[in-house]
Amino acid sequence: MAIPSTIELEIVKGLCSADCPMCPIGETRWDRDIMNQETFTQIVDSFGSELSHIRKFILVGIGESLLDKHLGDKIGYLKDRGIELVAIPTNASHLTAEMATTILDAGVDEMIIGIDSLQKEIYEDIRKDLVFEKILANTHQYIDIRNAGKYDSTIMIRMITSDRNVAEWDDYVRYWSEYLNFPKGDMLLYFPEHNWSEHDYPNEVRIDLPGSKAASPFVGDTIETDMRRCSYVSDRYNIDVHGNVKLCCVDINASFFDLGNVLETNPIELDNSPVLAGIRNLMESGNIGAIEPCAECNLPDTRPRRGYFDGQVLSNQYANEYDYG
């Protein structure tokens, strides 16, 4: 099996300027680190000739990627190696004018900025420890710098919806439509909260994130067929800040299964491992519930309810291309 064309590579782990209720970063059991440039280049180079088949790198993990002072160097290295698309999700708290110019000059292709409300009280209740006015100013400044420099880079403004903000969507679209360049490829997107955090979710089953690797992907020998699908395990290759392969974006500590480390073993070999093959077969055969970490995950349920507005139509058609967990 060929390596997936999209790589999610965690460059910052456990470090963020916010403590959002829909994110598990506030938990103390995650290590905190920023990937150095040497490790980054080793991981990228570990793909060898297969790198030419990889279309996109998303520099994302459980952390704020803009805390990496060498982010521009990492983007530049990927572009020098021929990667078509480099995407950066951010909360915009560190999106200064200097950082904006650095990453745009380096060749960033997609910036995904999370702004969950245009009402200060609601925004700051969700994005705890951030200041609404600063985030809005940083975002507008980035849009202005992108436009003035005529950079070939797109901007996506993202809302993670909940009962606190979902009624805002129409106003949200009207507001951002005044500033985004939809013909250029800019976009608005929303998706429901994920149940991976250990914060209290009154209407969701919380995922119990394990602290140790499972020996087998199976819960039991028999299980009722569950026709949900999750493409993360087949469409993407997830690597953490230390080079460990993760099952998906939810596998925060690379603790679900022992999937190896790309700094020690060829990633193509790891991607074709019996464990990953078994998981993918279960997923495709409608037995997602037999995969213990996946059984109560709500991503397969919420993904069809994600909306992408391209200036003309609100639809789910971009889910595979612009899905940033």
C-alpha atoms as a PDB file:
ATOM      1  CA  MET A   1       0.000   0.000   0.000  1.00  0.00           C
ATOM      2  CA  ALA A   2       1.302   3.461  -0.931  1.00  0.00           C
ATOM      3  CA  ILE A   3       1.930   6.001   1.781  1.00  0.00           C
ATOM      4  CA  PRO A   4      -1.015   8.386   2.311  1.00  0.00           C
ATOM      5  CA  SER A   5      -0.693  11.655   0.405  1.00  0.00           C
ATOM      6  CA  THR A   6      -1.271  13.751   3.539  1.00  0.00           C
ATOM      7  CA  ILE A   7       1.066  13.789   6.539  1.00  0.00           C
ATOM      8  CA  GLU A   8       0.087  15.294   9.878  1.00  0.00           C
ATOM      9  CA  LEU A   9       3.348  16.158  11.613  1.00  0.00           C
ATOM     10  CA  GLU A  10       3.328  17.451  15.177  1.00  0.00           C
ATOM     11  CA  ILE A  11       5.978  20.134  15.664  1.00  0.00           C
ATOM     12  CA  VAL A  12       4.698  21.494  19.003  1.00  0.00           C
ATOM     13  CA  LYS A  13       3.283  19.285  21.737  1.00  0.00           C
ATOM     14  CA  GLY A  14       1.624  20.233  25.008  1.00  0.00           C
ATOM     15  CA  LEU A  15       2.365  23.954  24.667  1.00  0.00           C
ATOM     16  CA  CYS A  16      -0.355  26.462  23.914  1.00  0.00           C
ATOM     17  CA  SER A  17      -1.446  29.941  24.909  1.00  0.00           C
ATOM     18  CA  ALA A  18      -5.037  28.775  25.369  1.00  0.00           C
ATOM     19  CA  ASP A  19      -6.848  26.204  27.481  1.00  0.00           C
ATOM     20  CA  CYS A  20      -9.964  25.393  25.478  1.00  0.00           C
ATOM     21  CA  PRO A  21     -12.670  23.075  26.837  1.00  0.00           C
ATOM     22  CA  MET A  22     -12.756  21.031  23.634  1.00  0.00           C
ATOM     23  CA  CYS A  23      -9.022  20.264  23.804  1.00  0.00           C
ATOM     24  CA  PRO A  24      -7.137  17.887  26.125  1.00  0.00           C
ATOM     25  CA  ILE A  25      -3.971  20.002  26.205  1.00  0.00           C
ATOM     26  CA  GLY A  26      -4.606  21.131  29.783  1.00  0.00           C
ATOM     27  CA  GLU A  27      -4.066  17.601  31.067  1.00  0.00           C
ATOM     28  CA  THR A  28      -0.743  17.103  32.828  1.00  0.00           C
ATOM     29  CA  ARG A  29       0.169  13.696  31.467  1.00  0.00           C
ATOM     30  CA  TRP A  30       1.300  14.889  28.011  1.00  0.00           C
ATOM     31  CA  ASP A  31       4.945  15.737  27.550  1.00  0.00           C
ATOM     32  CA  ARG A  32       5.770  19.212  26.306  1.00  0.00           C
ATOM     33  CA  ASP A  33       8.246  19.758  23.525  1.00  0.00           C
ATOM     34  CA  ILE A  34       9.018  21.615  20.299  1.00  0.00           C
ATOM     35  CA  MET A  35      10.564  19.614  17.469  1.00  0.00           C
ATOM     36  CA  ASN A  36      14.051  20.815  16.587  1.00  0.00           C
ATOM     37  CA  GLN A  37      15.059  21.370  12.987  1.00  0.00           C
ATOM     38  CA  GLU A  38      17.387  18.352  12.865  1.00  0.00           C
ATOM     39  CA  THR A  39      14.628  15.964  13.928  1.00  0.00           C
ATOM     40  CA  PHE A  40      12.243  17.626  11.495  1.00  0.00           C
ATOM     41  CA  THR A  41      14.545  17.162   8.513  1.00  0.00           C
ATOM     42  CA  GLN A  42      15.277  13.554   9.536  1.00  0.00           C
ATOM     43  CA  ILE A  43      11.558  12.771   9.640  1.00  0.00           C
ATOM     44  CA  VAL A  44      10.881  14.411   6.284  1.00  0.00           C
ATOM     45  CA  ASP A  45      13.882  12.694   4.707  1.00  0.00           C
ATOM     46  CA  SER A  46      12.859   9.319   6.156  1.00  0.00           C
ATOM     47  CA  PHE A  47      10.219   9.054   3.415  1.00  0.00           C
ATOM     48  CA  GLY A  48      12.955   8.858   0.794  1.00  0.00           C
ATOM     49  CA  SER A  49      11.651   8.566  -2.770  1.00  0.00           C
ATOM     50  CA  GLU A  50       8.080   8.285  -1.442  1.00  0.00           C
ATOM     51  CA  LEU A  51       8.223  11.977  -0.593  1.00  0.00           C
ATOM     52  CA  SER A  52       7.386  12.715  -4.229  1.00  0.00           C
ATOM     53  CA  HIS A  53       4.007  11.008  -3.713  1.00  0.00           C
ATOM     54  CA  ILE A  54       3.149  13.117  -0.653  1.00  0.00           C
ATOM     55  CA  ARG A  55       1.055  16.138  -1.574  1.00  0.00           C
ATOM     56  CA  LYS A  56       0.451  17.807   1.748  1.00  0.00           C
ATOM     57  CA  PHE A  57       1.998  18.323   5.183  1.00  0.00           C
ATOM     58  CA  ILE A  58      -0.170  19.673   8.001  1.00  0.00           C
ATOM     59  CA  LEU A  59       2.062  20.948  10.803  1.00  0.00           C
ATOM     60  CA  VAL A  60      -0.319  20.302  13.655  1.00  0.00           C
ATOM     61  CA  GLY A  61      -0.543  18.451  16.938  1.00  0.00           C
ATOM     62  CA  ILE A  62      -1.616  19.043  20.506  1.00  0.00           C
ATOM     63  CA  GLY A  63      -0.053  22.465  20.693  1.00  0.00           C
ATOM     64  CA  GLU A  64       0.179  25.884  19.060  1.00  0.00           C
ATOM     65  CA  SER A  65       2.451  25.554  16.023  1.00  0.00           C
ATOM     66  CA  LEU A  66       3.339  29.254  15.947  1.00  0.00           C
ATOM     67  CA  LEU A  67       5.276  28.796  19.201  1.00  0.00           C
ATOM     68  CA  ASP A  68       7.987  27.182  17.064  1.00  0.00           C
ATOM     69  CA  LYS A  69      10.522  29.947  16.403  1.00  0.00           C
ATOM     70  CA  HIS A  70      11.889  27.941  13.477  1.00  0.00           C
ATOM     71  CA  LEU A  71       8.510  27.425  11.792  1.00  0.00           C
ATOM     72  CA  GLY A  72       9.620  29.386   8.738  1.00  0.00           C
ATOM     73  CA  ASP A  73      12.625  27.083   8.315  1.00  0.00           C
ATOM     74  CA  LYS A  74      10.385  24.012   8.509  1.00  0.00           C
ATOM     75  CA  ILE A  75       7.953  25.371   5.927  1.00  0.00           C
ATOM     76  CA  GLY A  76      10.826  26.347   3.667  1.00  0.00           C
ATOM     77  CA  TYR A  77      12.386  22.896   3.916  1.00  0.00           C
ATOM     78  CA  LEU A  78       9.138  21.235   2.859  1.00  0.00           C
ATOM     79  CA  LYS A  79       8.703  23.585  -0.079  1.00  0.00           C
ATOM     80  CA  ASP A  80      12.333  23.014  -1.126  1.00  0.00           C
ATOM     81  CA  ARG A  81      11.618  19.268  -1.103  1.00  0.00           C
ATOM     82  CA  GLY A  82       8.737  19.766  -3.512  1.00  0.00           C
ATOM     83  CA  ILE A  83       5.744  19.484  -1.176  1.00  0.00           C
ATOM     84  CA  GLU A  84       2.754  21.051  -2.921  1.00  0.00           C
ATOM     85  CA  LEU A  85       0.772  22.136   0.129  1.00  0.00           C
ATOM     86  CA  VAL A  86       1.892  23.107   3.632  1.00  0.00           C
ATOM     87  CA  ALA A  87      -0.905  23.914   6.088  1.00  0.00           C
ATOM     88  CA  ILE A  88      -0.714  25.505   9.551  1.00  0.00           C
ATOM     89  CA  PRO A  89      -3.658  25.523  11.996  1.00  0.00           C
ATOM     90  CA  THR A  90      -3.390  28.249  14.656  1.00  0.00           C
ATOM     91  CA  ASN A  91      -5.371  30.153  17.271  1.00  0.00           C
ATOM     92  CA  ALA A  92      -3.665  33.365  16.015  1.00  0.00           C
ATOM     93  CA  SER A  93      -2.419  34.377  19.470  1.00  0.00           C
ATOM     94  CA  HIS A  94       1.181  34.441  18.176  1.00  0.00           C
ATOM     95  CA  LEU A  95       0.343  35.561  14.651  1.00  0.00           C
ATOM     96  CA  THR A  96       2.350  38.775  14.842  1.00  0.00           C
ATOM     97  CA  ALA A  97       3.268  40.824  11.786  1.00  0.00           C
ATOM     98  CA  GLU A  98       6.802  39.383  11.952  1.00  0.00           C
ATOM     99  CA  MET A  99       5.521  35.803  12.150  1.00  0.00           C
ATOM    100  CA  ALA A 100       3.023  36.440   9.344  1.00  0.00           C
ATOM    101  CA  THR A 101       5.740  37.742   7.013  1.00  0.00           C
ATOM    102  CA  THR A 102       8.109  34.913   7.972  1.00  0.00           C
ATOM    103  CA  ILE A 103       5.720  32.077   7.208  1.00  0.00           C
ATOM    104  CA  LEU A 104       4.303  33.707   4.081  1.00  0.00           C
ATOM    105  CA  ASP A 105       7.813  34.313   2.722  1.00  0.00           C
ATOM    106  CA  ALA A 106       8.657  30.680   3.541  1.00  0.00           C
ATOM    107  CA  GLY A 107       5.779  29.531   1.337  1.00  0.00           C
ATOM    108  CA  VAL A 108       2.912  28.496   3.628  1.00  0.00           C
ATOM    109  CA  ASP A 109      -0.035  27.485   1.441  1.00  0.00           C
ATOM    110  CA  GLU A 110      -2.914  27.297   3.917  1.00  0.00           C
ATOM    111  CA  MET A 111      -3.486  29.075   7.224  1.00  0.00           C
ATOM    112  CA  ILE A 112      -6.359  27.737   9.316  1.00  0.00           C
ATOM    113  CA  ILE A 113      -7.331  30.213  12.021  1.00  0.00           C
ATOM    114  CA  GLY A 114      -9.637  29.055  14.802  1.00  0.00           C
ATOM    115  CA  ILE A 115     -12.108  31.725  15.901  1.00  0.00           C
ATOM    116  CA  ASP A 116     -15.127  30.154  17.562  1.00  0.00           C
ATOM    117  CA  SER A 117     -17.239  33.265  18.084  1.00  0.00           C
ATOM    118  CA  LEU A 118     -17.449  36.915  17.134  1.00  0.00           C
ATOM    119  CA  GLN A 119     -18.839  37.757  20.543  1.00  0.00           C
ATOM    120  CA  LYS A 120     -16.127  38.575  23.061  1.00  0.00           C
ATOM    121  CA  GLU A 121     -17.781  36.896  26.045  1.00  0.00           C
ATOM    122  CA  ILE A 122     -18.503  33.658  24.203  1.00  0.00           C
ATOM    123  CA  TYR A 123     -15.111  33.599  22.459  1.00  0.00           C
ATOM    124  CA  GLU A 124     -13.155  34.053  25.684  1.00  0.00           C
ATOM    125  CA  ASP A 125     -15.305  31.458  27.441  1.00  0.00           C
ATOM    126  CA  ILE A 126     -14.314  28.936  24.770  1.00  0.00           C
ATOM    127  CA  ARG A 127     -10.750  30.044  24.000  1.00  0.00           C
ATOM    128  CA  LYS A 128      -9.747  30.503  27.614  1.00  0.00           C
ATOM    129  CA  ASP A 129      -6.696  32.704  28.335  1.00  0.00           C
ATOM    130  CA  LEU A 130      -6.944  34.439  24.952  1.00  0.00           C
ATOM    131  CA  VAL A 131      -8.101  38.026  24.374  1.00  0.00           C
ATOM    132  CA  PHE A 132     -10.723  38.396  21.648  1.00  0.00           C
ATOM    133  CA  GLU A 133      -9.593  41.823  20.441  1.00  0.00           C
ATOM    134  CA  LYS A 134      -5.987  40.642  20.013  1.00  0.00           C
ATOM    135  CA  ILE A 135      -7.001  37.541  18.049  1.00  0.00           C
ATOM    136  CA  LEU A 136      -9.266  39.536  15.751  1.00  0.00           C
ATOM    137  CA  ALA A 137      -6.564  42.180  15.195  1.00  0.00           C
ATOM    138  CA  ASN A 138      -3.909  39.525  14.455  1.00  0.00           C
ATOM    139  CA  THR A 139      -6.220  37.815  11.987  1.00  0.00           C
ATOM    140  CA  HIS A 140      -7.070  41.002  10.109  1.00  0.00           C
ATOM    141  CA  GLN A 141      -3.396  41.959  10.088  1.00  0.00           C
ATOM    142  CA  TYR A 142      -2.508  38.589   8.568  1.00  0.00           C
ATOM    143  CA  ILE A 143      -5.184  38.989   5.893  1.00  0.00           C
ATOM    144  CA  ASP A 144      -3.839  42.466   5.065  1.00  0.00           C
ATOM    145  CA  ILE A 145      -0.218  41.251   4.861  1.00  0.00           C
ATOM    146  CA  ARG A 146      -1.221  38.320   2.678  1.00  0.00           C
ATOM    147  CA  ASN A 147      -3.186  40.580   0.347  1.00  0.00           C
ATOM    148  CA  ALA A 148      -0.566  43.348   0.170  1.00  0.00           C
ATOM    149  CA  GLY A 149       2.220  40.893  -0.596  1.00  0.00           C
ATOM    150  CA  LYS A 150       0.200  39.092  -3.251  1.00  0.00           C
ATOM    151  CA  TYR A 151       1.169  35.772  -1.724  1.00  0.00           C
ATOM    152  CA  ASP A 152      -0.307  32.650  -3.281  1.00  0.00           C
ATOM    153  CA  SER A 153      -1.648  31.442   0.055  1.00  0.00           C
ATOM    154  CA  THR A 154      -5.179  30.741   1.257  1.00  0.00           C
ATOM    155  CA  ILE A 155      -6.855  31.536   4.571  1.00  0.00           C
ATOM    156  CA  MET A 156      -9.500  29.455   6.302  1.00  0.00           C
ATOM    157  CA  ILE A 157     -11.388  30.761   9.301  1.00  0.00           C
ATOM    158  CA  ARG A 158     -12.747  27.908  11.414  1.00  0.00           C
ATOM    159  CA  MET A 159     -15.481  27.660  14.012  1.00  0.00           C
ATOM    160  CA  ILE A 160     -15.756  24.627  16.285  1.00  0.00           C
ATOM    161  CA  THR A 161     -19.463  24.577  16.977  1.00  0.00           C
ATOM    162  CA  SER A 162     -21.295  23.888  20.212  1.00  0.00           C
ATOM    163  CA  ASP A 163     -24.553  25.013  21.782  1.00  0.00           C
ATOM    164  CA  ARG A 164     -22.689  28.186  22.794  1.00  0.00           C
ATOM    165  CA  ASN A 165     -22.003  29.497  19.307  1.00  0.00           C
ATOM    166  CA  VAL A 166     -23.848  27.520  16.622  1.00  0.00           C
ATOM    167  CA  ALA A 167     -26.560  30.188  16.265  1.00  0.00           C
ATOM    168  CA  GLU A 168     -23.886  32.663  15.136  1.00  0.00           C
ATOM    169  CA  TRP A 169     -23.034  30.941  11.880  1.00  0.00           C
ATOM    170  CA  ASP A 170     -25.012  33.207   9.527  1.00  0.00           C
ATOM    171  CA  ASP A 171     -23.571  36.355  11.128  1.00  0.00           C
ATOM    172  CA  TYR A 172     -20.130  34.718  11.061  1.00  0.00           C
ATOM    173  CA  VAL A 173     -20.413  34.157   7.302  1.00  0.00           C
ATOM    174  CA  ARG A 174     -21.590  37.706   6.665  1.00  0.00           C
ATOM    175  CA  TYR A 175     -18.741  39.183   8.701  1.00  0.00           C
ATOM    176  CA  TRP A 176     -15.856  37.196   7.231  1.00  0.00           C
ATOM    177  CA  SER A 177     -17.211  37.434   3.693  1.00  0.00           C
ATOM    178  CA  GLU A 178     -16.251  41.115   3.823  1.00  0.00           C
ATOM    179  CA  TYR A 179     -12.571  40.255   4.281  1.00  0.00           C
ATOM    180  CA  LEU A 180     -11.800  36.857   2.752  1.00  0.00           C
ATOM    181  CA  ASN A 181     -10.963  36.338  -0.905  1.00  0.00           C
ATOM    182  CA  PHE A 182     -13.126  33.381  -1.901  1.00  0.00           C
ATOM    183  CA  PRO A 183     -12.055  33.379  -5.592  1.00  0.00           C
ATOM    184  CA  LYS A 184      -8.472  32.976  -4.352  1.00  0.00           C
ATOM    185  CA  GLY A 185      -9.479  29.876  -2.391  1.00  0.00           C
ATOM    186  CA  ASP A 186     -10.223  31.322   1.049  1.00  0.00           C
ATOM    187  CA  MET A 187     -12.889  29.457   2.977  1.00  0.00           C
ATOM    188  CA  LEU A 188     -14.997  29.338   6.117  1.00  0.00           C
ATOM    189  CA  LEU A 189     -15.524  26.042   7.883  1.00  0.00           C
ATOM    190  CA  TYR A 190     -17.220  24.657  10.946  1.00  0.00           C
ATOM    191  CA  PHE A 191     -17.435  21.322  12.668  1.00  0.00           C
ATOM    192  CA  PRO A 192     -18.901  20.030  15.929  1.00  0.00           C
ATOM    193  CA  GLU A 193     -16.843  19.537  19.064  1.00  0.00           C
ATOM    194  CA  HIS A 194     -14.944  16.308  19.369  1.00  0.00           C
ATOM    195  CA  ASN A 195     -15.267  14.157  22.489  1.00  0.00           C
ATOM    196  CA  TRP A 196     -11.542  13.581  23.014  1.00  0.00           C
ATOM    197  CA  SER A 197     -11.123  16.023  25.862  1.00  0.00           C
ATOM    198  CA  GLU A 198     -11.410  15.012  29.481  1.00  0.00           C
ATOM    199  CA  HIS A 199     -13.554  18.055  30.137  1.00  0.00           C
ATOM    200  CA  ASP A 200     -17.172  17.316  30.947  1.00  0.00           C
ATOM    201  CA  TYR A 201     -19.419  16.864  27.935  1.00  0.00           C
ATOM    202  CA  PRO A 202     -23.031  16.535  29.075  1.00  0.00           C
ATOM    203  CA  ASN A 203     -24.318  15.059  25.814  1.00  0.00           C
ATOM    204  CA  GLU A 204     -21.330  13.070  24.630  1.00  0.00           C
ATOM    205  CA  VAL A 205     -19.572   9.858  25.559  1.00  0.00           C
ATOM    206  CA  ARG A 206     -16.055  10.860  26.518  1.00  0.00           C
ATOM    207  CA  ILE A 207     -13.191   8.886  25.041  1.00  0.00           C
ATOM    208  CA  ASP A 208     -10.935   7.299  27.621  1.00  0.00           C
ATOM    209  CA  LEU A 209      -7.471   7.954  26.247  1.00  0.00           C
ATOM    210  CA  PRO A 210      -5.224   5.074  27.315  1.00  0.00           C
ATOM    211  CA  GLY A 211      -1.903   5.584  29.015  1.00  0.00           C
ATOM    212  CA  SER A 212      -0.230   2.522  27.540  1.00  0.00           C
ATOM    213  CA  LYS A 213      -0.108   0.885  24.135  1.00  0.00           C
ATOM    214  CA  ALA A 214      -2.591  -1.867  23.379  1.00  0.00           C
ATOM    215  CA  ALA A 215      -1.302  -5.247  22.300  1.00  0.00           C
ATOM    216  CA  SER A 216      -4.134  -5.774  19.839  1.00  0.00           C
ATOM    217  CA  PRO A 217      -6.639  -3.567  18.025  1.00  0.00           C
ATOM    218  CA  PHE A 218      -9.486  -5.900  18.880  1.00  0.00           C
ATOM    219  CA  VAL A 219     -12.016  -5.490  21.681  1.00  0.00           C
ATOM    220  CA  GLY A 220     -13.466  -8.941  21.132  1.00  0.00           C
ATOM    221  CA  ASP A 221     -14.035 -11.641  18.560  1.00  0.00           C
ATOM    222  CA  THR A 222     -17.587 -10.661  17.673  1.00  0.00           C
ATOM    223  CA  ILE A 223     -19.325  -7.323  17.477  1.00  0.00           C
ATOM    224  CA  GLU A 224     -22.391  -5.933  15.779  1.00  0.00           C
ATOM    225  CA  THR A 225     -21.660  -4.348  12.419  1.00  0.00           C
ATOM    226  CA  ASP A 226     -21.143  -0.598  12.682  1.00  0.00           C
ATOM    227  CA  MET A 227     -21.197   1.000   9.254  1.00  0.00           C
ATOM    228  CA  ARG A 228     -19.497   4.217  10.350  1.00  0.00           C
ATOM    229  CA  ARG A 229     -16.286   4.970   8.532  1.00  0.00           C
ATOM    230  CA  CYS A 230     -13.253   7.020   9.542  1.00  0.00           C
ATOM    231  CA  SER A 231     -10.770   7.801   6.818  1.00  0.00           C
ATOM    232  CA  TYR A 232      -8.059   9.151   9.122  1.00  0.00           C
ATOM    233  CA  VAL A 233      -6.310   5.793   9.387  1.00  0.00           C
ATOM    234  CA  SER A 234      -6.103   5.384   5.618  1.00  0.00           C
ATOM    235  CA  ASP A 235      -5.998   8.925   4.220  1.00  0.00           C
ATOM    236  CA  ARG A 236      -3.374  10.310   6.584  1.00  0.00           C
ATOM    237  CA  TYR A 237      -0.107   9.431   8.241  1.00  0.00           C
ATOM    238  CA  ASN A 238       0.236  10.898  11.729  1.00  0.00           C
ATOM    239  CA  ILE A 239       3.621  11.465  13.388  1.00  0.00           C
ATOM    240  CA  ASP A 240       4.225  12.996  16.800  1.00  0.00           C
ATOM    241  CA  VAL A 241       6.938  15.373  17.961  1.00  0.00           C
ATOM    242  CA  HIS A 242       9.307  12.467  18.698  1.00  0.00           C
ATOM    243  CA  GLY A 243       8.785  10.601  15.423  1.00  0.00           C
ATOM    244  CA  ASN A 244       6.287   8.077  16.818  1.00  0.00           C
ATOM    245  CA  VAL A 245       3.528   6.999  14.440  1.00  0.00           C
ATOM    246  CA  LYS A 246       0.035   7.735  15.754  1.00  0.00           C
ATOM    247  CA  LEU A 247      -3.175   6.028  14.703  1.00  0.00           C
ATOM    248  CA  CYS A 248      -4.814   9.405  14.094  1.00  0.00           C
ATOM    249  CA  CYS A 249      -5.048  12.922  15.511  1.00  0.00           C
ATOM    250  CA  VAL A 250      -6.864  11.577  18.589  1.00  0.00           C
ATOM    251  CA  ASP A 251      -3.932   9.310  19.471  1.00  0.00           C
ATOM    252  CA  ILE A 252      -2.341  12.176  21.362  1.00  0.00           C
ATOM    253  CA  ASN A 253       0.484  10.322  23.072  1.00  0.00           C
ATOM    254  CA  ALA A 254       0.967   7.672  20.359  1.00  0.00           C
ATOM    255  CA  SER A 255      -0.361   5.317  23.020  1.00  0.00           C
ATOM    256  CA  PHE A 256      -3.175   3.433  21.283  1.00  0.00           C
ATOM    257  CA  PHE A 257      -0.921   0.890  19.543  1.00  0.00           C
ATOM    258  CA  ASP A 258       2.777   0.326  19.001  1.00  0.00           C
ATOM    259  CA  LEU A 259       3.030   1.583  15.420  1.00  0.00           C
ATOM    260  CA  GLY A 260       6.749   2.303  15.475  1.00  0.00           C
ATOM    261  CA  ASN A 261       8.944   5.356  15.014  1.00  0.00           C
ATOM    262  CA  VAL A 262       9.972   6.798  11.646  1.00  0.00           C
ATOM    263  CA  LEU A 263      13.384   7.785  13.030  1.00  0.00           C
ATOM    264  CA  GLU A 264      14.080   4.092  13.638  1.00  0.00           C
ATOM    265  CA  THR A 265      12.155   2.265  10.912  1.00  0.00           C
ATOM    266  CA  ASN A 266      11.251   3.174   7.336  1.00  0.00           C
ATOM    267  CA  PRO A 267       7.783   4.820   7.392  1.00  0.00           C
ATOM    268  CA  ILE A 268       6.676   2.808   4.359  1.00  0.00           C
ATOM    269  CA  GLU A 269       7.358  -0.390   6.278  1.00  0.00           C
ATOM    270  CA  LEU A 270       5.483   0.956   9.289  1.00  0.00           C
ATOM    271  CA  ASP A 271       2.515   2.020   7.173  1.00  0.00           C
ATOM    272  CA  ASN A 272       2.206  -1.539   5.893  1.00  0.00           C
ATOM    273  CA  SER A 273       2.451  -3.155   9.325  1.00  0.00           C
ATOM    274  CA  PRO A 274       0.063  -6.010  10.249  1.00  0.00           C
ATOM    275  CA  VAL A 275      -1.467  -3.918  13.045  1.00  0.00           C
ATOM    276  CA  LEU A 276      -2.359  -1.015  10.761  1.00  0.00           C
ATOM    277  CA  ALA A 277      -3.598  -3.433   8.099  1.00  0.00           C
ATOM    278  CA  GLY A 278      -5.842  -5.111  10.665  1.00  0.00           C
ATOM    279  CA  ILE A 279      -7.254  -1.780  11.816  1.00  0.00           C
ATOM    280  CA  ARG A 280      -7.947  -0.641   8.269  1.00  0.00           C
ATOM    281  CA  ASN A 281      -9.636  -3.934   7.419  1.00  0.00           C
ATOM    282  CA  LEU A 282     -11.889  -3.632  10.454  1.00  0.00           C
ATOM    283  CA  MET A 283     -12.766  -0.082   9.477  1.00  0.00           C
ATOM    284  CA  GLU A 284     -13.599  -1.016   5.897  1.00  0.00           C
ATOM    285  CA  SER A 285     -15.665  -4.043   6.923  1.00  0.00           C
ATOM    286  CA  GLY A 286     -17.898  -2.005   9.195  1.00  0.00           C
ATOM    287  CA  ASN A 287     -16.326  -3.127  12.469  1.00  0.00           C
ATOM    288  CA  ILE A 288     -15.083   0.203  13.752  1.00  0.00           C
ATOM    289  CA  GLY A 289     -16.549  -0.692  17.140  1.00  0.00           C
ATOM    290  CA  ALA A 290     -14.065  -3.555  17.415  1.00  0.00           C
ATOM    291  CA  ILE A 291     -11.180  -1.084  17.499  1.00  0.00           C
ATOM    292  CA  GLU A 292     -11.074  -0.134  21.156  1.00  0.00           C
ATOM    293  CA  PRO A 293      -9.950   3.522  20.905  1.00  0.00           C
ATOM    294  CA  CYS A 294     -12.359   4.117  18.004  1.00  0.00           C
ATOM    295  CA  ALA A 295     -15.487   2.548  19.475  1.00  0.00           C
ATOM    296  CA  GLU A 296     -16.744   5.677  21.243  1.00  0.00           C
ATOM    297  CA  CYS A 297     -15.046   8.335  19.126  1.00  0.00           C
ATOM    298  CA  ASN A 298     -17.542  10.754  17.592  1.00  0.00           C
ATOM    299  CA  LEU A 299     -15.384  11.866  14.639  1.00  0.00           C
ATOM    300  CA  PRO A 300     -17.058   9.451  12.178  1.00  0.00           C
ATOM    301  CA  ASP A 301     -20.417  10.853  13.300  1.00  0.00           C
ATOM    302  CA  THR A 302     -19.495  14.535  13.230  1.00  0.00           C
ATOM    303  CA  ARG A 303     -17.479  14.566  10.014  1.00  0.00           C
ATOM    304  CA  PRO A 304     -20.582  14.407   7.762  1.00  0.00           C
ATOM    305  CA  ARG A 305     -21.949  17.387   9.695  1.00  0.00           C
ATOM    306  CA  ARG A 306     -18.988  19.616   8.875  1.00  0.00           C
ATOM    307  CA  GLY A 307     -19.669  22.638   6.701  1.00  0.00           C
ATOM    308  CA  TYR A 308     -17.382  24.415   4.243  1.00  0.00           C
ATOM    309  CA  PHE A 309     -18.355  27.764   2.729  1.00  0.00           C
ATOM    310  CA  ASP A 310     -16.458  28.790  -0.399  1.00  0.00           C
ATOM    311  CA  GLY A 311     -18.284  32.065  -0.992  1.00  0.00           C
ATOM    312  CA  GLN A 312     -21.075  30.424  -2.947  1.00  0.00           C
ATOM    313  CA  VAL A 313     -22.189  27.172  -1.386  1.00  0.00           C
ATOM    314  CA  LEU A 314     -22.148  25.651   2.095  1.00  0.00           C
ATOM    315  CA  SER A 315     -21.435  21.942   1.717  1.00  0.00           C
ATOM    316  CA  ASN A 316     -19.492  18.947   2.970  1.00  0.00           C
ATOM    317  CA  GLN A 317     -17.694  18.379  -0.317  1.00  0.00           C
ATOM    318  CA  TYR A 318     -14.327  19.628   0.960  1.00  0.00           C
ATOM    319  CA  ALA A 319     -14.200  17.299   3.979  1.00  0.00           C
ATOM    320  CA  ASN A 320     -11.362  15.113   2.694  1.00  0.00           C
ATOM    321  CA  GLU A 321      -9.193  18.013   1.563  1.00  0.00           C
ATOM    322  CA  TYR A 322      -9.669  20.488   4.399  1.00  0.00           C
ATOM    323  CA  ASP A 323     -10.152  18.380   7.503  1.00  0.00           C
ATOM    324  CA  TYR A 324      -8.024  19.667  10.346  1.00  0.00           C
ATOM    325  CA  GLY A 325      -9.237  17.613  13.241  1.00  0.00           C
END
